[in-house]
Amino acid sequence: MHHASPASAGLAAECQALAFLQGHGLQLLTRNWRCKGGELDLVMLDADTVVFVEVRYRLHAGFGGALESIDGRKQKRLALAATEFLQKESRWAHRPCRFDVVALQGSHHAGRPLQWLKNAFEC
């Protein structure tokens, strides 16, 4: 088997997303933040806005597939995790916040740009 495991592929995607966002001036607050209700891939700061970034990695589907994979239930889980993060990390609690999605294609499309969707959904 020469295939990377989904976990390592996901991690690589996350590193790529992180580097991309840092290149756009965002600062990393934390990554893979877990709580009972869910997990936040990346939590970043864009000027004064706390940005909760969901990294979607799709081997075959088009970009639409990666974005469509965030259904209402997933959005609720992200919103709950974000709320919990802001309660625990109270210094960020009064900042504006938003949810972004970074969608990446599989490795054989390494040359393709990733897609960054700001304000992917309302919290």
PDB file of N, CA and C in Angstrom:
ATOM      1  N   MET A   1       0.835  -1.205   0.000  1.00  0.00           N
ATOM      2  CA  MET A   1       0.000   0.000   0.000  1.00  0.00           C
ATOM      3  C   MET A   1       0.869   1.253   0.000  1.00  0.00           C
ATOM      4  N   HIS A   2       0.682   2.072  -1.018  1.00  0.00           N
ATOM      5  CA  HIS A   2       1.474   3.305  -1.074  1.00  0.00           C
ATOM      6  C   HIS A   2       0.635   4.521  -0.713  1.00  0.00           C
ATOM      7  N   HIS A   3      -0.632   4.263  -0.404  1.00  0.00           N
ATOM      8  CA  HIS A   3      -1.508   5.410  -0.120  1.00  0.00           C
ATOM      9  C   HIS A   3      -1.218   5.977   1.259  1.00  0.00           C
ATOM     10  N   ALA A   4      -1.194   7.279   1.350  1.00  0.00           N
ATOM     11  CA  ALA A   4      -1.098   7.907   2.659  1.00  0.00           C
ATOM     12  C   ALA A   4      -2.400   7.623   3.396  1.00  0.00           C
ATOM     13  N   SER A   5      -2.314   7.473   4.689  1.00  0.00           N
ATOM     14  CA  SER A   5      -3.546   7.264   5.445  1.00  0.00           C
ATOM     15  C   SER A   5      -4.363   8.549   5.401  1.00  0.00           C
ATOM     16  N   PRO A   6      -5.682   8.406   5.541  1.00  0.00           N
ATOM     17  CA  PRO A   6      -6.526   9.618   5.543  1.00  0.00           C
ATOM     18  C   PRO A   6      -6.072  10.608   6.616  1.00  0.00           C
ATOM     19  N   ALA A   7      -5.634  10.081   7.764  1.00  0.00           N
ATOM     20  CA  ALA A   7      -5.209  10.971   8.845  1.00  0.00           C
ATOM     21  C   ALA A   7      -4.001  11.799   8.427  1.00  0.00           C
ATOM     22  N   SER A   8      -2.998  11.158   7.825  1.00  0.00           N
ATOM     23  CA  SER A   8      -1.801  11.920   7.460  1.00  0.00           C
ATOM     24  C   SER A   8      -2.096  12.860   6.298  1.00  0.00           C
ATOM     25  N   ALA A   9      -2.983  12.424   5.398  1.00  0.00           N
ATOM     26  CA  ALA A   9      -3.383  13.312   4.293  1.00  0.00           C
ATOM     27  C   ALA A   9      -4.109  14.533   4.853  1.00  0.00           C
ATOM     28  N   GLY A  10      -4.969  14.284   5.838  1.00  0.00           N
ATOM     29  CA  GLY A  10      -5.705  15.378   6.461  1.00  0.00           C
ATOM     30  C   GLY A  10      -4.774  16.339   7.169  1.00  0.00           C
ATOM     31  N   LEU A  11      -3.765  15.774   7.822  1.00  0.00           N
ATOM     32  CA  LEU A  11      -2.796  16.590   8.538  1.00  0.00           C
ATOM     33  C   LEU A  11      -2.002  17.448   7.560  1.00  0.00           C
ATOM     34  N   ALA A  12      -1.606  16.839   6.451  1.00  0.00           N
ATOM     35  CA  ALA A  12      -0.865  17.574   5.425  1.00  0.00           C
ATOM     36  C   ALA A  12      -1.731  18.707   4.877  1.00  0.00           C
ATOM     37  N   ALA A  13      -3.006  18.412   4.666  1.00  0.00           N
ATOM     38  CA  ALA A  13      -3.948  19.423   4.168  1.00  0.00           C
ATOM     39  C   ALA A  13      -4.036  20.571   5.166  1.00  0.00           C
ATOM     40  N   GLU A  14      -4.082  20.212   6.444  1.00  0.00           N
ATOM     41  CA  GLU A  14      -4.188  21.223   7.488  1.00  0.00           C
ATOM     42  C   GLU A  14      -2.945  22.115   7.520  1.00  0.00           C
ATOM     43  N   CYS A  15      -1.767  21.489   7.373  1.00  0.00           N
ATOM     44  CA  CYS A  15      -0.518  22.261   7.354  1.00  0.00           C
ATOM     45  C   CYS A  15      -0.509  23.225   6.169  1.00  0.00           C
ATOM     46  N   GLN A  16      -0.998  22.730   5.046  1.00  0.00           N
ATOM     47  CA  GLN A  16      -1.047  23.544   3.826  1.00  0.00           C
ATOM     48  C   GLN A  16      -2.007  24.720   4.023  1.00  0.00           C
ATOM     49  N   ALA A  17      -3.159  24.422   4.612  1.00  0.00           N
ATOM     50  CA  ALA A  17      -4.157  25.464   4.864  1.00  0.00           C
ATOM     51  C   ALA A  17      -3.587  26.510   5.820  1.00  0.00           C
ATOM     52  N   LEU A  18      -2.898  26.021   6.861  1.00  0.00           N
ATOM     53  CA  LEU A  18      -2.318  26.917   7.856  1.00  0.00           C
ATOM     54  C   LEU A  18      -1.294  27.848   7.215  1.00  0.00           C
ATOM     55  N   ALA A  19      -0.397  27.266   6.419  1.00  0.00           N
ATOM     56  CA  ALA A  19       0.640  28.069   5.758  1.00  0.00           C
ATOM     57  C   ALA A  19      -0.003  29.102   4.829  1.00  0.00           C
ATOM     58  N   PHE A  20      -1.051  28.672   4.128  1.00  0.00           N
ATOM     59  CA  PHE A  20      -1.762  29.557   3.208  1.00  0.00           C
ATOM     60  C   PHE A  20      -2.363  30.749   3.961  1.00  0.00           C
ATOM     61  N   LEU A  21      -3.041  30.460   5.067  1.00  0.00           N
ATOM     62  CA  LEU A  21      -3.707  31.524   5.822  1.00  0.00           C
ATOM     63  C   LEU A  21      -2.689  32.448   6.496  1.00  0.00           C
ATOM     64  N   GLN A  22      -1.597  31.863   6.987  1.00  0.00           N
ATOM     65  CA  GLN A  22      -0.558  32.703   7.584  1.00  0.00           C
ATOM     66  C   GLN A  22       0.047  33.622   6.526  1.00  0.00           C
ATOM     67  N   GLY A  23       0.122  33.095   5.298  1.00  0.00           N
ATOM     68  CA  GLY A  23       0.607  33.910   4.193  1.00  0.00           C
ATOM     69  C   GLY A  23      -0.311  35.092   3.906  1.00  0.00           C
ATOM     70  N   HIS A  24      -1.578  34.967   4.323  1.00  0.00           N
ATOM     71  CA  HIS A  24      -2.535  36.064   4.151  1.00  0.00           C
ATOM     72  C   HIS A  24      -2.662  36.903   5.416  1.00  0.00           C
ATOM     73  N   GLY A  25      -1.712  36.716   6.331  1.00  0.00           N
ATOM     74  CA  GLY A  25      -1.654  37.595   7.498  1.00  0.00           C
ATOM     75  C   GLY A  25      -2.421  37.125   8.718  1.00  0.00           C
ATOM     76  N   LEU A  26      -3.000  35.932   8.670  1.00  0.00           N
ATOM     77  CA  LEU A  26      -3.715  35.451   9.852  1.00  0.00           C
ATOM     78  C   LEU A  26      -2.710  34.843  10.829  1.00  0.00           C
ATOM     79  N   GLN A  27      -3.017  34.950  12.111  1.00  0.00           N
ATOM     80  CA  GLN A  27      -2.151  34.378  13.138  1.00  0.00           C
ATOM     81  C   GLN A  27      -2.827  33.156  13.736  1.00  0.00           C
ATOM     82  N   LEU A  28      -2.042  32.137  14.002  1.00  0.00           N
ATOM     83  CA  LEU A  28      -2.592  30.925  14.600  1.00  0.00           C
ATOM     84  C   LEU A  28      -2.783  31.107  16.099  1.00  0.00           C
ATOM     85  N   LEU A  29      -3.974  30.814  16.590  1.00  0.00           N
ATOM     86  CA  LEU A  29      -4.211  30.794  18.040  1.00  0.00           C
ATOM     87  C   LEU A  29      -4.047  29.369  18.551  1.00  0.00           C
ATOM     88  N   THR A  30      -4.685  28.421  17.893  1.00  0.00           N
ATOM     89  CA  THR A  30      -4.553  27.027  18.300  1.00  0.00           C
ATOM     90  C   THR A  30      -4.992  26.130  17.153  1.00  0.00           C
ATOM     91  N   ARG A  31      -4.568  24.867  17.198  1.00  0.00           N
ATOM     92  CA  ARG A  31      -5.026  23.923  16.179  1.00  0.00           C
ATOM     93  C   ARG A  31      -5.480  22.635  16.837  1.00  0.00           C
ATOM     94  N   ASN A  32      -6.407  21.956  16.182  1.00  0.00           N
ATOM     95  CA  ASN A  32      -6.974  20.708  16.699  1.00  0.00           C
ATOM     96  C   ASN A  32      -7.450  20.869  18.140  1.00  0.00           C
ATOM     97  N   TRP A  33      -8.222  21.897  18.338  1.00  0.00           N
ATOM     98  CA  TRP A  33      -8.762  22.152  19.672  1.00  0.00           C
ATOM     99  C   TRP A  33      -9.981  21.265  19.860  1.00  0.00           C
ATOM    100  N   ARG A  34      -9.938  20.414  20.891  1.00  0.00           N
ATOM    101  CA  ARG A  34     -11.031  19.445  21.095  1.00  0.00           C
ATOM    102  C   ARG A  34     -11.824  19.759  22.338  1.00  0.00           C
ATOM    103  N   CYS A  35     -13.108  19.510  22.246  1.00  0.00           N
ATOM    104  CA  CYS A  35     -13.954  19.570  23.423  1.00  0.00           C
ATOM    105  C   CYS A  35     -14.973  18.442  23.286  1.00  0.00           C
ATOM    106  N   LYS A  36     -15.823  18.299  24.274  1.00  0.00           N
ATOM    107  CA  LYS A  36     -16.811  17.222  24.223  1.00  0.00           C
ATOM    108  C   LYS A  36     -17.616  17.248  22.931  1.00  0.00           C
ATOM    109  N   GLY A  37     -18.025  18.457  22.562  1.00  0.00           N
ATOM    110  CA  GLY A  37     -18.958  18.572  21.452  1.00  0.00           C
ATOM    111  C   GLY A  37     -18.344  18.469  20.062  1.00  0.00           C
ATOM    112  N   GLY A  38     -17.027  18.582  19.965  1.00  0.00           N
ATOM    113  CA  GLY A  38     -16.469  18.568  18.620  1.00  0.00           C
ATOM    114  C   GLY A  38     -15.014  18.986  18.608  1.00  0.00           C
ATOM    115  N   GLU A  39     -14.575  19.441  17.459  1.00  0.00           N
ATOM    116  CA  GLU A  39     -13.172  19.800  17.294  1.00  0.00           C
ATOM    117  C   GLU A  39     -13.075  20.966  16.321  1.00  0.00           C
ATOM    118  N   LEU A  40     -12.122  21.840  16.597  1.00  0.00           N
ATOM    119  CA  LEU A  40     -11.848  22.959  15.703  1.00  0.00           C
ATOM    120  C   LEU A  40     -10.490  22.700  15.058  1.00  0.00           C
ATOM    121  N   ASP A  41     -10.446  22.648  13.738  1.00  0.00           N
ATOM    122  CA  ASP A  41      -9.179  22.365  13.054  1.00  0.00           C
ATOM    123  C   ASP A  41      -8.147  23.448  13.350  1.00  0.00           C
ATOM    124  N   LEU A  42      -8.515  24.677  13.003  1.00  0.00           N
ATOM    125  CA  LEU A  42      -7.613  25.812  13.211  1.00  0.00           C
ATOM    126  C   LEU A  42      -8.418  26.959  13.805  1.00  0.00           C
ATOM    127  N   VAL A  43      -7.849  27.618  14.792  1.00  0.00           N
ATOM    128  CA  VAL A  43      -8.452  28.854  15.291  1.00  0.00           C
ATOM    129  C   VAL A  43      -7.409  29.936  15.052  1.00  0.00           C
ATOM    130  N   MET A  44      -7.799  30.962  14.297  1.00  0.00           N
ATOM    131  CA  MET A  44      -6.831  31.976  13.888  1.00  0.00           C
ATOM    132  C   MET A  44      -7.370  33.367  14.163  1.00  0.00           C
ATOM    133  N   LEU A  45      -6.471  34.318  14.074  1.00  0.00           N
ATOM    134  CA  LEU A  45      -6.847  35.707  14.292  1.00  0.00           C
ATOM    135  C   LEU A  45      -6.608  36.463  12.995  1.00  0.00           C
ATOM    136  N   ASP A  46      -7.653  37.106  12.494  1.00  0.00           N
ATOM    137  CA  ASP A  46      -7.547  37.916  11.287  1.00  0.00           C
ATOM    138  C   ASP A  46      -7.795  39.352  11.719  1.00  0.00           C
ATOM    139  N   ALA A  47      -6.736  40.117  11.898  1.00  0.00           N
ATOM    140  CA  ALA A  47      -6.824  41.446  12.528  1.00  0.00           C
ATOM    141  C   ALA A  47      -7.445  41.236  13.910  1.00  0.00           C
ATOM    142  N   ASP A  48      -8.673  41.741  14.153  1.00  0.00           N
ATOM    143  CA  ASP A  48      -9.249  41.537  15.494  1.00  0.00           C
ATOM    144  C   ASP A  48     -10.318  40.449  15.503  1.00  0.00           C
ATOM    145  N   THR A  49     -10.488  39.759  14.390  1.00  0.00           N
ATOM    146  CA  THR A  49     -11.554  38.753  14.299  1.00  0.00           C
ATOM    147  C   THR A  49     -11.013  37.351  14.580  1.00  0.00           C
ATOM    148  N   VAL A  50     -11.708  36.637  15.450  1.00  0.00           N
ATOM    149  CA  VAL A  50     -11.360  35.235  15.699  1.00  0.00           C
ATOM    150  C   VAL A  50     -11.988  34.400  14.581  1.00  0.00           C
ATOM    151  N   VAL A  51     -11.154  33.627  13.905  1.00  0.00           N
ATOM    152  CA  VAL A  51     -11.617  32.852  12.754  1.00  0.00           C
ATOM    153  C   VAL A  51     -11.515  31.358  13.071  1.00  0.00           C
ATOM    154  N   PHE A  52     -12.652  30.684  12.985  1.00  0.00           N
ATOM    155  CA  PHE A  52     -12.681  29.243  13.172  1.00  0.00           C
ATOM    156  C   PHE A  52     -12.617  28.615  11.785  1.00  0.00           C
ATOM    157  N   VAL A  53     -11.531  27.902  11.532  1.00  0.00           N
ATOM    158  CA  VAL A  53     -11.296  27.386  10.187  1.00  0.00           C
ATOM    159  C   VAL A  53     -11.521  25.879  10.145  1.00  0.00           C
ATOM    160  N   GLU A  54     -12.406  25.463   9.278  1.00  0.00           N
ATOM    161  CA  GLU A  54     -12.644  24.044   9.038  1.00  0.00           C
ATOM    162  C   GLU A  54     -11.882  23.674   7.768  1.00  0.00           C
ATOM    163  N   VAL A  55     -10.972  22.719   7.882  1.00  0.00           N
ATOM    164  CA  VAL A  55     -10.194  22.290   6.724  1.00  0.00           C
ATOM    165  C   VAL A  55     -10.850  21.043   6.147  1.00  0.00           C
ATOM    166  N   ARG A  56     -11.245  21.117   4.882  1.00  0.00           N
ATOM    167  CA  ARG A  56     -11.867  19.974   4.224  1.00  0.00           C
ATOM    168  C   ARG A  56     -10.922  19.468   3.162  1.00  0.00           C
ATOM    169  N   TYR A  57     -10.678  18.177   3.237  1.00  0.00           N
ATOM    170  CA  TYR A  57      -9.761  17.560   2.283  1.00  0.00           C
ATOM    171  C   TYR A  57     -10.539  16.511   1.501  1.00  0.00           C
ATOM    172  N   ARG A  58     -10.483  16.618   0.190  1.00  0.00           N
ATOM    173  CA  ARG A  58     -11.227  15.676  -0.637  1.00  0.00           C
ATOM    174  C   ARG A  58     -10.314  15.098  -1.695  1.00  0.00           C
ATOM    175  N   LEU A  59     -10.254  13.779  -1.762  1.00  0.00           N
ATOM    176  CA  LEU A  59      -9.362  13.157  -2.718  1.00  0.00           C
ATOM    177  C   LEU A  59      -9.894  13.292  -4.139  1.00  0.00           C
ATOM    178  N   HIS A  60     -11.179  13.045  -4.322  1.00  0.00           N
ATOM    179  CA  HIS A  60     -11.683  12.963  -5.688  1.00  0.00           C
ATOM    180  C   HIS A  60     -12.754  14.006  -6.026  1.00  0.00           C
ATOM    181  N   ALA A  61     -13.647  14.253  -5.084  1.00  0.00           N
ATOM    182  CA  ALA A  61     -14.761  15.143  -5.407  1.00  0.00           C
ATOM    183  C   ALA A  61     -14.260  16.529  -5.790  1.00  0.00           C
ATOM    184  N   GLY A  62     -15.057  17.250  -6.531  1.00  0.00           N
ATOM    185  CA  GLY A  62     -14.719  18.631  -6.847  1.00  0.00           C
ATOM    186  C   GLY A  62     -14.774  19.470  -5.587  1.00  0.00           C
ATOM    187  N   PHE A  63     -14.393  20.715  -5.700  1.00  0.00           N
ATOM    188  CA  PHE A  63     -14.416  21.598  -4.543  1.00  0.00           C
ATOM    189  C   PHE A  63     -15.798  21.627  -3.916  1.00  0.00           C
ATOM    190  N   GLY A  64     -16.819  21.606  -4.776  1.00  0.00           N
ATOM    191  CA  GLY A  64     -18.184  21.632  -4.257  1.00  0.00           C
ATOM    192  C   GLY A  64     -18.386  20.516  -3.255  1.00  0.00           C
ATOM    193  N   GLY A  65     -17.836  19.345  -3.536  1.00  0.00           N
ATOM    194  CA  GLY A  65     -17.986  18.209  -2.643  1.00  0.00           C
ATOM    195  C   GLY A  65     -17.439  18.493  -1.254  1.00  0.00           C
ATOM    196  N   ALA A  66     -16.297  19.144  -1.207  1.00  0.00           N
ATOM    197  CA  ALA A  66     -15.688  19.447   0.090  1.00  0.00           C
ATOM    198  C   ALA A  66     -16.552  20.430   0.866  1.00  0.00           C
ATOM    199  N   LEU A  67     -17.103  21.404   0.173  1.00  0.00           N
ATOM    200  CA  LEU A  67     -17.919  22.402   0.859  1.00  0.00           C
ATOM    201  C   LEU A  67     -19.275  21.830   1.244  1.00  0.00           C
ATOM    202  N   GLU A  68     -19.841  21.015   0.354  1.00  0.00           N
ATOM    203  CA  GLU A  68     -21.155  20.430   0.645  1.00  0.00           C
ATOM    204  C   GLU A  68     -21.094  19.457   1.809  1.00  0.00           C
ATOM    205  N   SER A  69     -19.894  18.964   2.101  1.00  0.00           N
ATOM    206  CA  SER A  69     -19.780  17.988   3.183  1.00  0.00           C
ATOM    207  C   SER A  69     -20.004  18.639   4.547  1.00  0.00           C
ATOM    208  N   ILE A  70     -20.112  19.947   4.581  1.00  0.00           N
ATOM    209  CA  ILE A  70     -20.396  20.625   5.843  1.00  0.00           C
ATOM    210  C   ILE A  70     -21.900  20.891   5.913  1.00  0.00           C
ATOM    211  N   ASP A  71     -22.612  19.912   6.449  1.00  0.00           N
ATOM    212  CA  ASP A  71     -24.070  20.035   6.489  1.00  0.00           C
ATOM    213  C   ASP A  71     -24.501  20.774   7.760  1.00  0.00           C
ATOM    214  N   GLY A  72     -25.791  20.909   7.914  1.00  0.00           N
ATOM    215  CA  GLY A  72     -26.313  21.655   9.056  1.00  0.00           C
ATOM    216  C   GLY A  72     -25.855  21.095  10.388  1.00  0.00           C
ATOM    217  N   ARG A  73     -25.794  19.759  10.464  1.00  0.00           N
ATOM    218  CA  ARG A  73     -25.399  19.129  11.719  1.00  0.00           C
ATOM    219  C   ARG A  73     -23.950  19.467  12.047  1.00  0.00           C
ATOM    220  N   LYS A  74     -23.123  19.403  11.007  1.00  0.00           N
ATOM    221  CA  LYS A  74     -21.692  19.721  11.171  1.00  0.00           C
ATOM    222  C   LYS A  74     -21.529  21.194  11.575  1.00  0.00           C
ATOM    223  N   GLN A  75     -22.307  22.060  10.951  1.00  0.00           N
ATOM    224  CA  GLN A  75     -22.245  23.486  11.288  1.00  0.00           C
ATOM    225  C   GLN A  75     -22.595  23.716  12.758  1.00  0.00           C
ATOM    226  N   LYS A  76     -23.640  23.008  13.219  1.00  0.00           N
ATOM    227  CA  LYS A  76     -24.043  23.150  14.621  1.00  0.00           C
ATOM    228  C   LYS A  76     -22.923  22.713  15.545  1.00  0.00           C
ATOM    229  N   ARG A  77     -22.271  21.593  15.191  1.00  0.00           N
ATOM    230  CA  ARG A  77     -21.176  21.088  16.025  1.00  0.00           C
ATOM    231  C   ARG A  77     -20.032  22.097  16.070  1.00  0.00           C
ATOM    232  N   LEU A  78     -19.723  22.682  14.912  1.00  0.00           N
ATOM    233  CA  LEU A  78     -18.649  23.682  14.860  1.00  0.00           C
ATOM    234  C   LEU A  78     -19.021  24.897  15.702  1.00  0.00           C
ATOM    235  N   ALA A  79     -20.273  25.319  15.591  1.00  0.00           N
ATOM    236  CA  ALA A  79     -20.722  26.491  16.341  1.00  0.00           C
ATOM    237  C   ALA A  79     -20.645  26.215  17.846  1.00  0.00           C
ATOM    238  N   LEU A  80     -21.029  24.995  18.244  1.00  0.00           N
ATOM    239  CA  LEU A  80     -20.960  24.632  19.662  1.00  0.00           C
ATOM    240  C   LEU A  80     -19.514  24.611  20.153  1.00  0.00           C
ATOM    241  N   ALA A  81     -18.635  24.007  19.358  1.00  0.00           N
ATOM    242  CA  ALA A  81     -17.222  23.948  19.736  1.00  0.00           C
ATOM    243  C   ALA A  81     -16.651  25.361  19.836  1.00  0.00           C
ATOM    244  N   ALA A  82     -17.040  26.214  18.882  1.00  0.00           N
ATOM    245  CA  ALA A  82     -16.558  27.602  18.882  1.00  0.00           C
ATOM    246  C   ALA A  82     -17.027  28.327  20.142  1.00  0.00           C
ATOM    247  N   THR A  83     -18.282  28.109  20.506  1.00  0.00           N
ATOM    248  CA  THR A  83     -18.831  28.743  21.705  1.00  0.00           C
ATOM    249  C   THR A  83     -18.045  28.302  22.935  1.00  0.00           C
ATOM    250  N   GLU A  84     -17.766  26.999  22.998  1.00  0.00           N
ATOM    251  CA  GLU A  84     -17.025  26.465  24.132  1.00  0.00           C
ATOM    252  C   GLU A  84     -15.600  27.036  24.170  1.00  0.00           C
ATOM    253  N   PHE A  85     -14.995  27.136  22.992  1.00  0.00           N
ATOM    254  CA  PHE A  85     -13.650  27.720  22.917  1.00  0.00           C
ATOM    255  C   PHE A  85     -13.663  29.135  23.491  1.00  0.00           C
ATOM    256  N   LEU A  86     -14.647  29.935  23.077  1.00  0.00           N
ATOM    257  CA  LEU A  86     -14.711  31.335  23.510  1.00  0.00           C
ATOM    258  C   LEU A  86     -14.996  31.439  25.011  1.00  0.00           C
ATOM    259  N   GLN A  87     -15.725  30.454  25.551  1.00  0.00           N
ATOM    260  CA  GLN A  87     -15.977  30.461  26.993  1.00  0.00           C
ATOM    261  C   GLN A  87     -14.687  30.142  27.754  1.00  0.00           C
ATOM    262  N   LYS A  88     -13.929  29.168  27.223  1.00  0.00           N
ATOM    263  CA  LYS A  88     -12.707  28.758  27.932  1.00  0.00           C
ATOM    264  C   LYS A  88     -11.579  29.759  27.719  1.00  0.00           C
ATOM    265  N   GLU A  89     -11.501  30.301  26.522  1.00  0.00           N
ATOM    266  CA  GLU A  89     -10.437  31.270  26.201  1.00  0.00           C
ATOM    267  C   GLU A  89     -11.056  32.660  26.231  1.00  0.00           C
ATOM    268  N   SER A  90     -11.393  33.085  27.450  1.00  0.00           N
ATOM    269  CA  SER A  90     -12.277  34.247  27.566  1.00  0.00           C
ATOM    270  C   SER A  90     -11.667  35.535  27.019  1.00  0.00           C
ATOM    271  N   ARG A  91     -10.318  35.556  26.848  1.00  0.00           N
ATOM    272  CA  ARG A  91      -9.749  36.809  26.315  1.00  0.00           C
ATOM    273  C   ARG A  91     -10.202  37.074  24.886  1.00  0.00           C
ATOM    274  N   TRP A  92     -10.709  36.028  24.205  1.00  0.00           N
ATOM    275  CA  TRP A  92     -11.184  36.227  22.840  1.00  0.00           C
ATOM    276  C   TRP A  92     -12.702  36.392  22.774  1.00  0.00           C
ATOM    277  N   ALA A  93     -13.346  36.267  23.928  1.00  0.00           N
ATOM    278  CA  ALA A  93     -14.808  36.142  23.927  1.00  0.00           C
ATOM    279  C   ALA A  93     -15.521  37.350  23.326  1.00  0.00           C
ATOM    280  N   HIS A  94     -14.916  38.514  23.404  1.00  0.00           N
ATOM    281  CA  HIS A  94     -15.635  39.701  22.947  1.00  0.00           C
ATOM    282  C   HIS A  94     -15.191  40.171  21.574  1.00  0.00           C
ATOM    283  N   ARG A  95     -14.421  39.355  20.903  1.00  0.00           N
ATOM    284  CA  ARG A  95     -14.013  39.701  19.543  1.00  0.00           C
ATOM    285  C   ARG A  95     -15.100  39.260  18.571  1.00  0.00           C
ATOM    286  N   PRO A  96     -15.155  39.933  17.412  1.00  0.00           N
ATOM    287  CA  PRO A  96     -16.020  39.393  16.360  1.00  0.00           C
ATOM    288  C   PRO A  96     -15.457  38.040  15.939  1.00  0.00           C
ATOM    289  N   CYS A  97     -16.313  37.153  15.481  1.00  0.00           N
ATOM    290  CA  CYS A  97     -15.782  35.873  15.011  1.00  0.00           C
ATOM    291  C   CYS A  97     -16.503  35.443  13.740  1.00  0.00           C
ATOM    292  N   ARG A  98     -15.862  34.552  13.009  1.00  0.00           N
ATOM    293  CA  ARG A  98     -16.467  34.036  11.786  1.00  0.00           C
ATOM    294  C   ARG A  98     -15.970  32.617  11.541  1.00  0.00           C
ATOM    295  N   PHE A  99     -16.680  31.940  10.659  1.00  0.00           N
ATOM    296  CA  PHE A  99     -16.305  30.585  10.277  1.00  0.00           C
ATOM    297  C   PHE A  99     -15.831  30.589   8.836  1.00  0.00           C
ATOM    298  N   ASP A 100     -14.628  30.093   8.625  1.00  0.00           N
ATOM    299  CA  ASP A 100     -14.090  29.966   7.266  1.00  0.00           C
ATOM    300  C   ASP A 100     -13.921  28.490   6.938  1.00  0.00           C
ATOM    301  N   VAL A 101     -13.957  28.191   5.668  1.00  0.00           N
ATOM    302  CA  VAL A 101     -13.662  26.837   5.215  1.00  0.00           C
ATOM    303  C   VAL A 101     -12.517  26.912   4.216  1.00  0.00           C
ATOM    304  N   VAL A 102     -11.533  26.040   4.379  1.00  0.00           N
ATOM    305  CA  VAL A 102     -10.489  25.903   3.371  1.00  0.00           C
ATOM    306  C   VAL A 102     -10.639  24.508   2.783  1.00  0.00           C
ATOM    307  N   ALA A 103     -10.881  24.449   1.488  1.00  0.00           N
ATOM    308  CA  ALA A 103     -11.082  23.166   0.815  1.00  0.00           C
ATOM    309  C   ALA A 103      -9.876  22.868  -0.057  1.00  0.00           C
ATOM    310  N   LEU A 104      -9.334  21.666   0.095  1.00  0.00           N
ATOM    311  CA  LEU A 104      -8.185  21.255  -0.704  1.00  0.00           C
ATOM    312  C   LEU A 104      -8.538  20.035  -1.523  1.00  0.00           C
ATOM    313  N   GLN A 105      -7.914  19.955  -2.681  1.00  0.00           N
ATOM    314  CA  GLN A 105      -8.062  18.786  -3.523  1.00  0.00           C
ATOM    315  C   GLN A 105      -7.017  17.746  -3.161  1.00  0.00           C
ATOM    316  N   GLY A 106      -7.211  16.542  -3.659  1.00  0.00           N
ATOM    317  CA  GLY A 106      -6.278  15.451  -3.397  1.00  0.00           C
ATOM    318  C   GLY A 106      -4.890  15.708  -3.959  1.00  0.00           C
ATOM    319  N   SER A 107      -3.962  14.848  -3.564  1.00  0.00           N
ATOM    320  CA  SER A 107      -2.545  15.074  -3.838  1.00  0.00           C
ATOM    321  C   SER A 107      -2.234  15.184  -5.331  1.00  0.00           C
ATOM    322  N   HIS A 108      -3.000  14.469  -6.165  1.00  0.00           N
ATOM    323  CA  HIS A 108      -2.675  14.511  -7.588  1.00  0.00           C
ATOM    324  C   HIS A 108      -3.062  15.848  -8.210  1.00  0.00           C
ATOM    325  N   HIS A 109      -3.697  16.704  -7.408  1.00  0.00           N
ATOM    326  CA  HIS A 109      -4.002  18.055  -7.892  1.00  0.00           C
ATOM    327  C   HIS A 109      -3.174  19.068  -7.113  1.00  0.00           C
ATOM    328  N   ALA A 110      -1.991  18.644  -6.687  1.00  0.00           N
ATOM    329  CA  ALA A 110      -1.211  19.480  -5.774  1.00  0.00           C
ATOM    330  C   ALA A 110      -1.004  20.890  -6.329  1.00  0.00           C
ATOM    331  N   GLY A 111      -0.981  21.018  -7.655  1.00  0.00           N
ATOM    332  CA  GLY A 111      -0.747  22.326  -8.234  1.00  0.00           C
ATOM    333  C   GLY A 111      -1.949  23.244  -8.173  1.00  0.00           C
ATOM    334  N   ARG A 112      -3.115  22.670  -7.904  1.00  0.00           N
ATOM    335  CA  ARG A 112      -4.322  23.510  -7.893  1.00  0.00           C
ATOM    336  C   ARG A 112      -4.413  24.323  -6.617  1.00  0.00           C
ATOM    337  N   PRO A 113      -4.867  25.538  -6.747  1.00  0.00           N
ATOM    338  CA  PRO A 113      -4.980  26.353  -5.538  1.00  0.00           C
ATOM    339  C   PRO A 113      -6.056  25.768  -4.631  1.00  0.00           C
ATOM    340  N   LEU A 114      -5.888  25.997  -3.357  1.00  0.00           N
ATOM    341  CA  LEU A 114      -6.966  25.589  -2.474  1.00  0.00           C
ATOM    342  C   LEU A 114      -8.019  26.688  -2.502  1.00  0.00           C
ATOM    343  N   GLN A 115      -9.163  26.377  -1.993  1.00  0.00           N
ATOM    344  CA  GLN A 115     -10.260  27.334  -2.012  1.00  0.00           C
ATOM    345  C   GLN A 115     -10.523  27.808  -0.590  1.00  0.00           C
ATOM    346  N   TRP A 116     -10.547  29.108  -0.417  1.00  0.00           N
ATOM    347  CA  TRP A 116     -10.760  29.701   0.898  1.00  0.00           C
ATOM    348  C   TRP A 116     -12.101  30.410   0.870  1.00  0.00           C
ATOM    349  N   LEU A 117     -12.995  29.922   1.673  1.00  0.00           N
ATOM    350  CA  LEU A 117     -14.328  30.500   1.736  1.00  0.00           C
ATOM    351  C   LEU A 117     -14.462  31.224   3.060  1.00  0.00           C
ATOM    352  N   LYS A 118     -14.485  32.556   3.033  1.00  0.00           N
ATOM    353  CA  LYS A 118     -14.643  33.309   4.256  1.00  0.00           C
ATOM    354  C   LYS A 118     -16.133  33.372   4.594  1.00  0.00           C
ATOM    355  N   ASN A 119     -16.416  33.422   5.905  1.00  0.00           N
ATOM    356  CA  ASN A 119     -17.817  33.488   6.316  1.00  0.00           C
ATOM    357  C   ASN A 119     -18.622  32.385   5.655  1.00  0.00           C
ATOM    358  N   ALA A 120     -18.134  31.160   5.742  1.00  0.00           N
ATOM    359  CA  ALA A 120     -18.759  30.031   5.040  1.00  0.00           C
ATOM    360  C   ALA A 120     -20.209  29.849   5.500  1.00  0.00           C
ATOM    361  N   PHE A 121     -20.442  30.087   6.776  1.00  0.00           N
ATOM    362  CA  PHE A 121     -21.822  30.026   7.267  1.00  0.00           C
ATOM    363  C   PHE A 121     -21.934  30.880   8.507  1.00  0.00           C
ATOM    364  N   GLU A 122     -23.141  31.207   8.858  1.00  0.00           N
ATOM    365  CA  GLU A 122     -23.383  32.069  10.022  1.00  0.00           C
ATOM    366  C   GLU A 122     -23.362  31.236  11.294  1.00  0.00           C
ATOM    367  N   CYS A 123     -22.837  31.814  12.354  1.00  0.00           N
ATOM    368  CA  CYS A 123     -22.909  31.083  13.624  1.00  0.00           C
ATOM    369  C   CYS A 123     -24.178  31.499  14.382  1.00  0.00           C
TER     370      CYS A 123
END
